[in-house]
Amino acid sequence: MFWIMITIIAVVGILTDTYTRNKKIDLKRLDKEIELEKLRLENFDKETEKMKLELEHTKQLLLDTQSTSQSGK
């Protein structure tokens, strides 16, 4: 009976340790996913700002071209 109790305690300890390790791995994975999502959002914001600047630049070039062609008439 004594050995059965020791075996049960050992098995429960092993299962608990395995469960705890798996949860720690899951937490690390979630932390990495959050970090990756933050980087994606930061990249999206930078790309959006770059596109806004390019659009403004193109708009200004178009306005300058129209202004030049109207003043030349």
PDB file of N, CA and C in Angstrom:
ATOM      1  N   MET A   1       0.830  -1.195   0.000  1.00  0.00           N
ATOM      2  CA  MET A   1       0.000   0.000   0.000  1.00  0.00           C
ATOM      3  C   MET A   1       0.879   1.266   0.000  1.00  0.00           C
ATOM      4  N   PHE A   2       1.947   1.189   0.778  1.00  0.00           N
ATOM      5  CA  PHE A   2       2.866   2.321   0.883  1.00  0.00           C
ATOM      6  C   PHE A   2       3.479   2.662  -0.470  1.00  0.00           C
ATOM      7  N   TRP A   3       3.892   1.648  -1.216  1.00  0.00           N
ATOM      8  CA  TRP A   3       4.525   1.871  -2.522  1.00  0.00           C
ATOM      9  C   TRP A   3       3.535   2.418  -3.532  1.00  0.00           C
ATOM     10  N   ILE A   4       2.292   2.009  -3.435  1.00  0.00           N
ATOM     11  CA  ILE A   4       1.252   2.529  -4.340  1.00  0.00           C
ATOM     12  C   ILE A   4       1.058   4.029  -4.112  1.00  0.00           C
ATOM     13  N   MET A   5       1.034   4.435  -2.848  1.00  0.00           N
ATOM     14  CA  MET A   5       0.870   5.866  -2.536  1.00  0.00           C
ATOM     15  C   MET A   5       2.072   6.666  -3.043  1.00  0.00           C
ATOM     16  N   ILE A   6       3.262   6.145  -2.863  1.00  0.00           N
ATOM     17  CA  ILE A   6       4.463   6.832  -3.347  1.00  0.00           C
ATOM     18  C   ILE A   6       4.432   6.929  -4.868  1.00  0.00           C
ATOM     19  N   THR A   7       4.020   5.868  -5.530  1.00  0.00           N
ATOM     20  CA  THR A   7       3.936   5.869  -6.993  1.00  0.00           C
ATOM     21  C   THR A   7       2.907   6.887  -7.464  1.00  0.00           C
ATOM     22  N   ILE A   8       1.753   6.933  -6.811  1.00  0.00           N
ATOM     23  CA  ILE A   8       0.701   7.894  -7.182  1.00  0.00           C
ATOM     24  C   ILE A   8       1.201   9.316  -6.992  1.00  0.00           C
ATOM     25  N   ILE A   9       1.866   9.588  -5.877  1.00  0.00           N
ATOM     26  CA  ILE A   9       2.404  10.931  -5.609  1.00  0.00           C
ATOM     27  C   ILE A   9       3.439  11.303  -6.672  1.00  0.00           C
ATOM     28  N   ALA A  10       4.291  10.361  -7.043  1.00  0.00           N
ATOM     29  CA  ALA A  10       5.319  10.633  -8.061  1.00  0.00           C
ATOM     30  C   ALA A  10       4.679  10.922  -9.415  1.00  0.00           C
ATOM     31  N   VAL A  11       3.671  10.122  -9.780  1.00  0.00           N
ATOM     32  CA  VAL A  11       2.993  10.331 -11.068  1.00  0.00           C
ATOM     33  C   VAL A  11       2.280  11.684 -11.082  1.00  0.00           C
ATOM     34  N   VAL A  12       1.603  12.011  -9.977  1.00  0.00           N
ATOM     35  CA  VAL A  12       0.920  13.305  -9.897  1.00  0.00           C
ATOM     36  C   VAL A  12       1.945  14.438  -9.997  1.00  0.00           C
ATOM     37  N   GLY A  13       3.085  14.289  -9.359  1.00  0.00           N
ATOM     38  CA  GLY A  13       4.139  15.303  -9.438  1.00  0.00           C
ATOM     39  C   GLY A  13       4.655  15.474 -10.852  1.00  0.00           C
ATOM     40  N   ILE A  14       4.866  14.375 -11.539  1.00  0.00           N
ATOM     41  CA  ILE A  14       5.345  14.429 -12.927  1.00  0.00           C
ATOM     42  C   ILE A  14       4.306  15.100 -13.821  1.00  0.00           C
ATOM     43  N   LEU A  15       3.042  14.726 -13.662  1.00  0.00           N
ATOM     44  CA  LEU A  15       1.975  15.324 -14.480  1.00  0.00           C
ATOM     45  C   LEU A  15       1.837  16.815 -14.203  1.00  0.00           C
ATOM     46  N   THR A  16       1.929  17.190 -12.929  1.00  0.00           N
ATOM     47  CA  THR A  16       1.848  18.609 -12.568  1.00  0.00           C
ATOM     48  C   THR A  16       3.003  19.393 -13.167  1.00  0.00           C
ATOM     49  N   ASP A  17       4.204  18.832 -13.084  1.00  0.00           N
ATOM     50  CA  ASP A  17       5.385  19.487 -13.648  1.00  0.00           C
ATOM     51  C   ASP A  17       5.243  19.657 -15.165  1.00  0.00           C
ATOM     52  N   THR A  18       4.773  18.621 -15.829  1.00  0.00           N
ATOM     53  CA  THR A  18       4.570  18.675 -17.282  1.00  0.00           C
ATOM     54  C   THR A  18       3.524  19.734 -17.631  1.00  0.00           C
ATOM     55  N   TYR A  19       2.436  19.758 -16.886  1.00  0.00           N
ATOM     56  CA  TYR A  19       1.371  20.743 -17.122  1.00  0.00           C
ATOM     57  C   TYR A  19       1.918  22.161 -16.936  1.00  0.00           C
ATOM     58  N   THR A  20       2.686  22.353 -15.854  1.00  0.00           N
ATOM     59  CA  THR A  20       3.252  23.674 -15.579  1.00  0.00           C
ATOM     60  C   THR A  20       4.208  24.101 -16.690  1.00  0.00           C
ATOM     61  N   ARG A  21       5.051  23.187 -17.148  1.00  0.00           N
ATOM     62  CA  ARG A  21       5.982  23.513 -18.240  1.00  0.00           C
ATOM     63  C   ARG A  21       5.232  23.872 -19.513  1.00  0.00           C
ATOM     64  N   ASN A  22       4.190  23.118 -19.817  1.00  0.00           N
ATOM     65  CA  ASN A  22       3.395  23.408 -21.018  1.00  0.00           C
ATOM     66  C   ASN A  22       2.745  24.779 -20.923  1.00  0.00           C
ATOM     67  N   LYS A  23       2.253  25.127 -19.755  1.00  0.00           N
ATOM     68  CA  LYS A  23       1.627  26.446 -19.578  1.00  0.00           C
ATOM     69  C   LYS A  23       2.662  27.557 -19.727  1.00  0.00           C
ATOM     70  N   LYS A  24       3.862  27.349 -19.223  1.00  0.00           N
ATOM     71  CA  LYS A  24       4.916  28.355 -19.380  1.00  0.00           C
ATOM     72  C   LYS A  24       5.273  28.532 -20.852  1.00  0.00           C
ATOM     73  N   ILE A  25       5.327  27.425 -21.575  1.00  0.00           N
ATOM     74  CA  ILE A  25       5.602  27.497 -23.015  1.00  0.00           C
ATOM     75  C   ILE A  25       4.479  28.255 -23.729  1.00  0.00           C
ATOM     76  N   ASP A  26       3.232  27.984 -23.348  1.00  0.00           N
ATOM     77  CA  ASP A  26       2.094  28.697 -23.940  1.00  0.00           C
ATOM     78  C   ASP A  26       2.182  30.194 -23.655  1.00  0.00           C
ATOM     79  N   LEU A  27       2.563  30.567 -22.438  1.00  0.00           N
ATOM     80  CA  LEU A  27       2.697  31.983 -22.088  1.00  0.00           C
ATOM     81  C   LEU A  27       3.797  32.652 -22.908  1.00  0.00           C
ATOM     82  N   LYS A  28       4.926  31.969 -23.081  1.00  0.00           N
ATOM     83  CA  LYS A  28       6.014  32.523 -23.893  1.00  0.00           C
ATOM     84  C   LYS A  28       5.560  32.705 -25.334  1.00  0.00           C
ATOM     85  N   ARG A  29       4.816  31.718 -25.847  1.00  0.00           N
ATOM     86  CA  ARG A  29       4.309  31.806 -27.224  1.00  0.00           C
ATOM     87  C   ARG A  29       3.365  32.997 -27.365  1.00  0.00           C
ATOM     88  N   LEU A  30       2.477  33.166 -26.388  1.00  0.00           N
ATOM     89  CA  LEU A  30       1.550  34.301 -26.436  1.00  0.00           C
ATOM     90  C   LEU A  30       2.292  35.632 -26.360  1.00  0.00           C
ATOM     91  N   ASP A  31       3.334  35.700 -25.509  1.00  0.00           N
ATOM     92  CA  ASP A  31       4.137  36.922 -25.423  1.00  0.00           C
ATOM     93  C   ASP A  31       4.786  37.239 -26.767  1.00  0.00           C
ATOM     94  N   LYS A  32       5.302  36.214 -27.434  1.00  0.00           N
ATOM     95  CA  LYS A  32       5.924  36.418 -28.746  1.00  0.00           C
ATOM     96  C   LYS A  32       4.884  36.849 -29.780  1.00  0.00           C
ATOM     97  N   GLU A  33       3.696  36.269 -29.723  1.00  0.00           N
ATOM     98  CA  GLU A  33       2.638  36.652 -30.662  1.00  0.00           C
ATOM     99  C   GLU A  33       2.223  38.109 -30.442  1.00  0.00           C
ATOM    100  N   ILE A  34       2.132  38.523 -29.176  1.00  0.00           N
ATOM    101  CA  ILE A  34       1.788  39.916 -28.866  1.00  0.00           C
ATOM    102  C   ILE A  34       2.875  40.853 -29.389  1.00  0.00           C
ATOM    103  N   GLU A  35       4.132  40.476 -29.165  1.00  0.00           N
ATOM    104  CA  GLU A  35       5.253  41.286 -29.656  1.00  0.00           C
ATOM    105  C   GLU A  35       5.221  41.391 -31.179  1.00  0.00           C
ATOM    106  N   LEU A  36       4.957  40.277 -31.846  1.00  0.00           N
ATOM    107  CA  LEU A  36       4.874  40.280 -33.303  1.00  0.00           C
ATOM    108  C   LEU A  36       3.725  41.158 -33.782  1.00  0.00           C
ATOM    109  N   GLU A  37       2.592  41.083 -33.106  1.00  0.00           N
ATOM    110  CA  GLU A  37       1.439  41.900 -33.503  1.00  0.00           C
ATOM    111  C   GLU A  37       1.726  43.387 -33.308  1.00  0.00           C
ATOM    112  N   LYS A  38       2.445  43.730 -32.243  1.00  0.00           N
ATOM    113  CA  LYS A  38       2.845  45.128 -32.023  1.00  0.00           C
ATOM    114  C   LYS A  38       3.747  45.602 -33.156  1.00  0.00           C
ATOM    115  N   LEU A  39       4.701  44.751 -33.565  1.00  0.00           N
ATOM    116  CA  LEU A  39       5.595  45.115 -34.667  1.00  0.00           C
ATOM    117  C   LEU A  39       4.822  45.272 -35.975  1.00  0.00           C
ATOM    118  N   ARG A  40       3.853  44.387 -36.203  1.00  0.00           N
ATOM    119  CA  ARG A  40       3.029  44.503 -37.407  1.00  0.00           C
ATOM    120  C   ARG A  40       2.257  45.819 -37.413  1.00  0.00           C
ATOM    121  N   LEU A  41       1.689  46.176 -36.270  1.00  0.00           N
ATOM    122  CA  LEU A  41       0.929  47.420 -36.170  1.00  0.00           C
ATOM    123  C   LEU A  41       1.842  48.627 -36.379  1.00  0.00           C
ATOM    124  N   GLU A  42       3.021  48.577 -35.780  1.00  0.00           N
ATOM    125  CA  GLU A  42       3.986  49.662 -35.953  1.00  0.00           C
ATOM    126  C   GLU A  42       4.378  49.791 -37.424  1.00  0.00           C
ATOM    127  N   ASN A  43       4.627  48.678 -38.079  1.00  0.00           N
ATOM    128  CA  ASN A  43       4.977  48.673 -39.492  1.00  0.00           C
ATOM    129  C   ASN A  43       3.816  49.216 -40.335  1.00  0.00           C
ATOM    130  N   PHE A  44       2.597  48.806 -39.995  1.00  0.00           N
ATOM    131  CA  PHE A  44       1.419  49.296 -40.714  1.00  0.00           C
ATOM    132  C   PHE A  44       1.308  50.812 -40.585  1.00  0.00           C
ATOM    133  N   ASP A  45       1.512  51.319 -39.369  1.00  0.00           N
ATOM    134  CA  ASP A  45       1.447  52.774 -39.154  1.00  0.00           C
ATOM    135  C   ASP A  45       2.504  53.505 -39.973  1.00  0.00           C
ATOM    136  N   LYS A  46       3.726  52.948 -40.008  1.00  0.00           N
ATOM    137  CA  LYS A  46       4.798  53.582 -40.780  1.00  0.00           C
ATOM    138  C   LYS A  46       4.496  53.551 -42.277  1.00  0.00           C
ATOM    139  N   GLU A  47       3.995  52.422 -42.759  1.00  0.00           N
ATOM    140  CA  GLU A  47       3.643  52.311 -44.178  1.00  0.00           C
ATOM    141  C   GLU A  47       2.513  53.277 -44.534  1.00  0.00           C
ATOM    142  N   THR A  48       1.545  53.390 -43.637  1.00  0.00           N
ATOM    143  CA  THR A  48       0.430  54.305 -43.873  1.00  0.00           C
ATOM    144  C   THR A  48       0.929  55.746 -43.943  1.00  0.00           C
ATOM    145  N   GLU A  49       1.810  56.112 -43.022  1.00  0.00           N
ATOM    146  CA  GLU A  49       2.372  57.460 -43.030  1.00  0.00           C
ATOM    147  C   GLU A  49       3.189  57.698 -44.299  1.00  0.00           C
ATOM    148  N   LYS A  50       3.947  56.703 -44.716  1.00  0.00           N
ATOM    149  CA  LYS A  50       4.735  56.822 -45.949  1.00  0.00           C
ATOM    150  C   LYS A  50       3.814  57.030 -47.150  1.00  0.00           C
ATOM    151  N   MET A  51       2.725  56.280 -47.209  1.00  0.00           N
ATOM    152  CA  MET A  51       1.784  56.419 -48.325  1.00  0.00           C
ATOM    153  C   MET A  51       1.117  57.795 -48.313  1.00  0.00           C
ATOM    154  N   LYS A  52       0.817  58.313 -47.124  1.00  0.00           N
ATOM    155  CA  LYS A  52       0.233  59.665 -47.023  1.00  0.00           C
ATOM    156  C   LYS A  52       1.205  60.704 -47.579  1.00  0.00           C
ATOM    157  N   LEU A  53       2.479  60.569 -47.196  1.00  0.00           N
ATOM    158  CA  LEU A  53       3.487  61.516 -47.673  1.00  0.00           C
ATOM    159  C   LEU A  53       3.661  61.426 -49.187  1.00  0.00           C
ATOM    160  N   GLU A  54       3.673  60.199 -49.705  1.00  0.00           N
ATOM    161  CA  GLU A  54       3.791  60.020 -51.151  1.00  0.00           C
ATOM    162  C   GLU A  54       2.588  60.610 -51.873  1.00  0.00           C
ATOM    163  N   LEU A  55       1.415  60.430 -51.307  1.00  0.00           N
ATOM    164  CA  LEU A  55       0.200  60.989 -51.906  1.00  0.00           C
ATOM    165  C   LEU A  55       0.242  62.514 -51.899  1.00  0.00           C
ATOM    166  N   GLU A  56       0.671  63.079 -50.781  1.00  0.00           N
ATOM    167  CA  GLU A  56       0.786  64.542 -50.702  1.00  0.00           C
ATOM    168  C   GLU A  56       1.809  65.052 -51.717  1.00  0.00           C
ATOM    169  N   HIS A  57       2.911  64.355 -51.844  1.00  0.00           N
ATOM    170  CA  HIS A  57       3.950  64.747 -52.790  1.00  0.00           C
ATOM    171  C   HIS A  57       3.403  64.695 -54.225  1.00  0.00           C
ATOM    172  N   THR A  58       2.725  63.614 -54.557  1.00  0.00           N
ATOM    173  CA  THR A  58       2.146  63.467 -55.896  1.00  0.00           C
ATOM    174  C   THR A  58       1.099  64.548 -56.147  1.00  0.00           C
ATOM    175  N   LYS A  59       0.297  64.823 -55.151  1.00  0.00           N
ATOM    176  CA  LYS A  59      -0.727  65.865 -55.264  1.00  0.00           C
ATOM    177  C   LYS A  59      -0.076  67.225 -55.524  1.00  0.00           C
ATOM    178  N   GLN A  60       1.003  67.502 -54.780  1.00  0.00           N
ATOM    179  CA  GLN A  60       1.691  68.775 -54.957  1.00  0.00           C
ATOM    180  C   GLN A  60       2.316  68.876 -56.350  1.00  0.00           C
ATOM    181  N   LEU A  61       2.901  67.772 -56.827  1.00  0.00           N
ATOM    182  CA  LEU A  61       3.467  67.771 -58.174  1.00  0.00           C
ATOM    183  C   LEU A  61       2.381  68.024 -59.217  1.00  0.00           C
ATOM    184  N   LEU A  62       1.229  67.417 -59.045  1.00  0.00           N
ATOM    185  CA  LEU A  62       0.119  67.607 -59.964  1.00  0.00           C
ATOM    186  C   LEU A  62      -0.355  69.058 -59.953  1.00  0.00           C
ATOM    187  N   LEU A  63      -0.476  69.618 -58.750  1.00  0.00           N
ATOM    188  CA  LEU A  63      -0.894  71.022 -58.646  1.00  0.00           C
ATOM    189  C   LEU A  63       0.140  71.949 -59.281  1.00  0.00           C
ATOM    190  N   ASP A  64       1.426  71.653 -59.063  1.00  0.00           N
ATOM    191  CA  ASP A  64       2.479  72.467 -59.671  1.00  0.00           C
ATOM    192  C   ASP A  64       2.437  72.369 -61.192  1.00  0.00           C
ATOM    193  N   THR A  65       2.208  71.150 -61.695  1.00  0.00           N
ATOM    194  CA  THR A  65       2.125  70.937 -63.138  1.00  0.00           C
ATOM    195  C   THR A  65       0.943  71.690 -63.712  1.00  0.00           C
ATOM    196  N   GLN A  66      -0.201  71.643 -63.058  1.00  0.00           N
ATOM    197  CA  GLN A  66      -1.391  72.355 -63.524  1.00  0.00           C
ATOM    198  C   GLN A  66      -1.162  73.863 -63.475  1.00  0.00           C
ATOM    199  N   SER A  67      -0.526  74.322 -62.407  1.00  0.00           N
ATOM    200  CA  SER A  67      -0.253  75.743 -62.269  1.00  0.00           C
ATOM    201  C   SER A  67       0.688  76.231 -63.368  1.00  0.00           C
ATOM    202  N   THR A  68       1.697  75.435 -63.657  1.00  0.00           N
ATOM    203  CA  THR A  68       2.665  75.791 -64.691  1.00  0.00           C
ATOM    204  C   THR A  68       1.987  75.815 -66.065  1.00  0.00           C
ATOM    205  N   SER A  69       1.149  74.834 -66.336  1.00  0.00           N
ATOM    206  CA  SER A  69       0.510  74.784 -67.643  1.00  0.00           C
ATOM    207  C   SER A  69      -0.525  75.891 -67.799  1.00  0.00           C
ATOM    208  N   GLN A  70      -1.166  76.317 -66.747  1.00  0.00           N
ATOM    209  CA  GLN A  70      -2.159  77.412 -66.819  1.00  0.00           C
ATOM    210  C   GLN A  70      -1.470  78.764 -66.958  1.00  0.00           C
ATOM    211  N   SER A  71      -0.317  78.920 -66.291  1.00  0.00           N
ATOM    212  CA  SER A  71       0.384  80.193 -66.404  1.00  0.00           C
ATOM    213  C   SER A  71       1.073  80.324 -67.750  1.00  0.00           C
ATOM    214  N   GLY A  72       1.317  79.220 -68.426  1.00  0.00           N
ATOM    215  CA  GLY A  72       1.961  79.246 -69.725  1.00  0.00           C
ATOM    216  C   GLY A  72       0.982  79.584 -70.829  1.00  0.00           C
ATOM    217  N   LYS A  73      -0.296  79.520 -70.588  1.00  0.00           N
ATOM    218  CA  LYS A  73      -1.293  79.808 -71.635  1.00  0.00           C
ATOM    219  C   LYS A  73      -1.430  81.264 -71.923  1.00  0.00           C
TER     220      LYS A  73
END
